[in-house]
C-alpha cells in the first residue's frame, strides 16, 4: 500500500514501472449489497504481496481509484466474449 510518497492514492500512484495496464470489465458490490458495472485499468502488487487494482465504476461515477483487490466484491467479467 505504500508508495514513494506514503499511502497509495490518486496523488501518489505506485511507480509506473511496476504497474500493469489492462482493460478488464468487472462487477463491483457495495456494502449495501447493490452491484454496479466498472472496469479495472491497471494492476499493481505492493511489497507485502497485496494486489491492488485501479478501478472505475460506470457510468460516470468517481474517477479511477486504487483499491485493494477483493474477489468477493470485485468480480472479473469476460473481456473477450463467452
N, C-alpha and C. Protein backbone atom coordinates (compact mmCIF):
# COMPACT_ATOMS: atom_id res chain seq x y z
N UNK A 1 0.82 -1.19 0.00
CA UNK A 1 0.00 0.00 0.00
C UNK A 1 0.86 1.25 0.00
N UNK A 2 2.07 1.15 0.46
CA UNK A 2 2.94 2.32 0.50
C UNK A 2 3.62 2.53 -0.85
N UNK A 3 3.77 3.76 -1.21
CA UNK A 3 4.50 4.15 -2.41
C UNK A 3 5.63 5.06 -1.98
N UNK A 4 6.27 5.66 -2.95
CA UNK A 4 7.38 6.55 -2.62
C UNK A 4 6.97 7.71 -1.72
N UNK A 5 5.71 8.13 -1.79
CA UNK A 5 5.29 9.29 -1.01
C UNK A 5 4.24 8.93 0.04
N UNK A 6 4.20 7.68 0.48
CA UNK A 6 3.27 7.31 1.53
C UNK A 6 2.19 6.37 1.04
N UNK A 7 0.95 6.63 1.46
CA UNK A 7 -0.16 5.76 1.11
C UNK A 7 -0.54 5.87 -0.36
N UNK A 8 -1.04 4.79 -0.91
CA UNK A 8 -1.47 4.75 -2.30
C UNK A 8 -2.68 5.64 -2.48
N UNK A 9 -2.61 6.56 -3.43
CA UNK A 9 -3.73 7.47 -3.70
C UNK A 9 -3.60 7.99 -5.12
N UNK A 10 -4.63 8.74 -5.55
CA UNK A 10 -4.60 9.35 -6.88
C UNK A 10 -3.41 10.29 -7.00
N UNK A 11 -3.10 11.03 -5.94
CA UNK A 11 -1.99 11.98 -5.95
C UNK A 11 -0.64 11.27 -5.93
N UNK A 12 -0.63 10.07 -5.42
CA UNK A 12 0.62 9.34 -5.25
C UNK A 12 0.45 7.89 -5.71
N UNK A 13 0.40 7.67 -7.03
CA UNK A 13 0.21 6.32 -7.55
C UNK A 13 1.47 5.49 -7.36
N UNK A 14 1.36 4.18 -7.58
CA UNK A 14 2.55 3.33 -7.49
C UNK A 14 3.53 3.69 -8.61
N UNK A 15 4.78 3.25 -8.49
CA UNK A 15 5.76 3.54 -9.55
C UNK A 15 5.28 3.00 -10.89
N UNK A 16 5.33 3.82 -11.91
CA UNK A 16 4.84 3.46 -13.24
C UNK A 16 5.44 2.16 -13.77
N UNK A 17 6.69 1.91 -13.46
CA UNK A 17 7.35 0.70 -13.95
C UNK A 17 6.81 -0.58 -13.31
N UNK A 18 6.07 -0.46 -12.21
CA UNK A 18 5.51 -1.63 -11.52
C UNK A 18 4.03 -1.87 -11.85
N UNK A 19 3.43 -0.97 -12.62
CA UNK A 19 2.00 -1.05 -12.93
C UNK A 19 1.81 -1.84 -14.22
N UNK A 20 0.83 -2.75 -14.23
CA UNK A 20 0.47 -3.50 -15.44
C UNK A 20 -0.87 -2.96 -15.92
N UNK A 21 -0.88 -2.28 -17.07
CA UNK A 21 -2.07 -1.65 -17.62
C UNK A 21 -2.91 -2.68 -18.35
N UNK A 22 -4.23 -2.66 -18.12
CA UNK A 22 -5.15 -3.64 -18.69
C UNK A 22 -6.48 -2.97 -19.00
N UNK A 23 -7.38 -3.74 -19.62
CA UNK A 23 -8.78 -3.35 -19.74
C UNK A 23 -9.58 -4.55 -19.28
N UNK A 24 -10.14 -4.48 -18.08
CA UNK A 24 -10.85 -5.62 -17.50
C UNK A 24 -12.21 -5.19 -16.99
N UNK A 25 -13.31 -5.60 -17.65
CA UNK A 25 -14.64 -5.30 -17.13
C UNK A 25 -14.88 -6.05 -15.82
N UNK A 26 -15.61 -5.42 -14.91
CA UNK A 26 -15.89 -6.02 -13.60
C UNK A 26 -17.29 -5.66 -13.14
N UNK A 27 -17.77 -6.39 -12.14
CA UNK A 27 -18.94 -6.01 -11.36
C UNK A 27 -18.44 -5.72 -9.95
N UNK A 28 -18.93 -4.63 -9.37
CA UNK A 28 -18.49 -4.21 -8.05
C UNK A 28 -19.68 -4.27 -7.09
N UNK A 29 -19.49 -4.92 -5.94
CA UNK A 29 -20.55 -4.97 -4.93
C UNK A 29 -20.25 -3.94 -3.85
N UNK A 30 -21.28 -3.14 -3.53
CA UNK A 30 -21.15 -2.12 -2.50
C UNK A 30 -21.57 -2.69 -1.14
N UNK A 31 -21.23 -2.02 -0.04
CA UNK A 31 -21.61 -2.51 1.29
C UNK A 31 -23.11 -2.73 1.48
N UNK A 32 -23.95 -1.97 0.75
CA UNK A 32 -25.40 -2.14 0.90
C UNK A 32 -25.92 -3.35 0.10
N UNK A 33 -25.04 -4.07 -0.59
CA UNK A 33 -25.42 -5.25 -1.34
C UNK A 33 -25.71 -5.00 -2.81
N UNK A 34 -25.78 -3.73 -3.22
CA UNK A 34 -26.04 -3.43 -4.63
C UNK A 34 -24.78 -3.66 -5.46
N UNK A 35 -25.01 -3.86 -6.77
CA UNK A 35 -23.91 -4.11 -7.70
C UNK A 35 -23.89 -3.03 -8.77
N UNK A 36 -22.70 -2.77 -9.32
CA UNK A 36 -22.54 -1.79 -10.40
C UNK A 36 -21.47 -2.32 -11.34
N UNK A 37 -21.56 -1.92 -12.59
CA UNK A 37 -20.52 -2.28 -13.56
C UNK A 37 -19.35 -1.33 -13.43
N UNK A 38 -18.18 -1.81 -13.79
CA UNK A 38 -16.99 -0.97 -13.76
C UNK A 38 -15.91 -1.58 -14.61
N UNK A 39 -14.72 -1.02 -14.50
CA UNK A 39 -13.58 -1.61 -15.20
C UNK A 39 -12.30 -1.34 -14.43
N UNK A 40 -11.42 -2.29 -14.56
CA UNK A 40 -10.07 -2.15 -14.00
C UNK A 40 -9.16 -1.75 -15.14
N UNK A 41 -8.36 -0.71 -14.91
CA UNK A 41 -7.44 -0.26 -15.96
C UNK A 41 -5.99 -0.57 -15.63
N UNK A 42 -5.72 -1.04 -14.40
CA UNK A 42 -4.34 -1.37 -14.05
C UNK A 42 -4.30 -2.26 -12.81
N UNK A 43 -3.23 -3.05 -12.72
CA UNK A 43 -2.96 -3.89 -11.55
C UNK A 43 -1.60 -3.51 -10.99
N UNK A 44 -1.45 -3.66 -9.68
CA UNK A 44 -0.18 -3.41 -9.02
C UNK A 44 -0.10 -4.27 -7.78
N UNK A 45 1.06 -4.83 -7.50
CA UNK A 45 1.28 -5.63 -6.30
C UNK A 45 2.29 -4.89 -5.42
N UNK A 46 1.90 -4.65 -4.15
CA UNK A 46 2.79 -3.91 -3.25
C UNK A 46 3.86 -4.84 -2.67
N UNK A 47 4.75 -4.28 -1.88
CA UNK A 47 5.87 -5.03 -1.31
C UNK A 47 5.41 -6.16 -0.39
N UNK A 48 4.23 -6.03 0.20
CA UNK A 48 3.69 -7.06 1.10
C UNK A 48 2.99 -8.18 0.33
N UNK A 49 2.87 -8.03 -1.00
CA UNK A 49 2.21 -9.04 -1.82
C UNK A 49 0.73 -8.81 -2.02
N UNK A 50 0.19 -7.69 -1.49
CA UNK A 50 -1.22 -7.37 -1.70
C UNK A 50 -1.43 -6.86 -3.12
N UNK A 51 -2.51 -7.32 -3.76
CA UNK A 51 -2.82 -6.93 -5.13
C UNK A 51 -3.79 -5.75 -5.10
N UNK A 52 -3.49 -4.73 -5.88
CA UNK A 52 -4.31 -3.53 -5.98
C UNK A 52 -4.80 -3.38 -7.42
N UNK A 53 -5.97 -2.77 -7.60
CA UNK A 53 -6.49 -2.51 -8.93
C UNK A 53 -6.93 -1.05 -9.03
N UNK A 54 -6.73 -0.49 -10.20
CA UNK A 54 -7.19 0.87 -10.48
C UNK A 54 -8.58 0.73 -11.08
N UNK A 55 -9.60 1.05 -10.28
CA UNK A 55 -10.99 0.74 -10.58
C UNK A 55 -11.79 2.01 -10.83
N UNK A 56 -12.66 1.91 -11.82
CA UNK A 56 -13.61 2.99 -12.10
C UNK A 56 -14.97 2.35 -12.31
N UNK A 57 -16.00 2.88 -11.65
CA UNK A 57 -17.35 2.37 -11.85
C UNK A 57 -18.02 3.14 -12.98
N UNK A 58 -18.97 2.49 -13.62
CA UNK A 58 -19.64 3.06 -14.79
C UNK A 58 -21.13 3.13 -14.52
N UNK A 59 -21.89 3.94 -15.16
CA UNK A 59 -21.47 5.11 -15.90
C UNK A 59 -21.17 6.27 -14.97
N UNK A 60 -20.37 7.17 -15.42
CA UNK A 60 -20.00 8.32 -14.60
C UNK A 60 -19.19 7.89 -13.41
N UNK A 61 -19.77 7.92 -12.24
CA UNK A 61 -19.07 7.52 -11.02
C UNK A 61 -17.87 8.40 -10.75
N UNK A 62 -17.14 8.03 -9.73
CA UNK A 62 -15.91 8.75 -9.43
C UNK A 62 -14.85 8.37 -10.45
N UNK A 63 -13.82 9.18 -10.52
CA UNK A 63 -12.70 8.85 -11.40
C UNK A 63 -12.02 7.58 -10.91
N UNK A 64 -11.08 7.07 -11.66
CA UNK A 64 -10.40 5.84 -11.26
C UNK A 64 -9.68 6.01 -9.93
N UNK A 65 -9.79 4.98 -9.09
CA UNK A 65 -9.14 4.99 -7.78
C UNK A 65 -8.51 3.63 -7.53
N UNK A 66 -7.43 3.63 -6.78
CA UNK A 66 -6.78 2.38 -6.41
C UNK A 66 -7.51 1.74 -5.24
N UNK A 67 -7.79 0.42 -5.38
CA UNK A 67 -8.46 -0.36 -4.34
C UNK A 67 -7.70 -1.66 -4.16
N UNK A 68 -7.63 -2.12 -2.92
CA UNK A 68 -7.10 -3.46 -2.70
C UNK A 68 -8.07 -4.44 -3.35
N UNK A 69 -7.56 -5.36 -4.16
CA UNK A 69 -8.42 -6.28 -4.89
C UNK A 69 -9.02 -7.31 -3.94
N UNK A 70 -10.35 -7.41 -3.98
CA UNK A 70 -11.09 -8.38 -3.19
C UNK A 70 -12.02 -9.13 -4.16
N UNK A 71 -11.71 -10.40 -4.48
CA UNK A 71 -12.52 -11.12 -5.47
C UNK A 71 -13.97 -11.33 -5.04
N UNK A 72 -14.28 -11.16 -3.76
CA UNK A 72 -15.67 -11.29 -3.30
C UNK A 72 -16.51 -10.06 -3.66
N UNK A 73 -15.89 -8.89 -3.71
CA UNK A 73 -16.65 -7.67 -4.00
C UNK A 73 -16.31 -7.06 -5.37
N UNK A 74 -15.24 -7.54 -6.01
CA UNK A 74 -14.88 -7.08 -7.35
C UNK A 74 -14.78 -8.33 -8.21
N UNK A 75 -15.81 -8.59 -9.00
CA UNK A 75 -15.85 -9.82 -9.80
C UNK A 75 -15.45 -9.53 -11.24
N UNK A 76 -14.46 -10.25 -11.71
CA UNK A 76 -13.97 -10.09 -13.08
C UNK A 76 -15.00 -10.65 -14.06
N UNK A 77 -15.24 -9.91 -15.14
CA UNK A 77 -16.15 -10.34 -16.20
C UNK A 77 -15.33 -10.69 -17.44
N UNK A 78 -15.87 -11.52 -18.33
CA UNK A 78 -15.13 -11.85 -19.56
C UNK A 78 -14.88 -10.59 -20.37
N UNK A 79 -13.69 -10.47 -20.92
CA UNK A 79 -13.38 -9.30 -21.73
C UNK A 79 -13.35 -9.62 -23.21
N UNK A 80 -13.47 -10.91 -23.58
CA UNK A 80 -13.41 -11.27 -24.98
C UNK A 80 -14.55 -12.19 -25.39
N UNK A 81 -15.69 -12.08 -24.73
CA UNK A 81 -16.86 -12.88 -25.08
C UNK A 81 -16.93 -14.18 -24.31
N UNK A 82 -18.05 -14.84 -24.43
CA UNK A 82 -18.24 -16.12 -23.71
C UNK A 82 -18.32 -17.26 -24.70
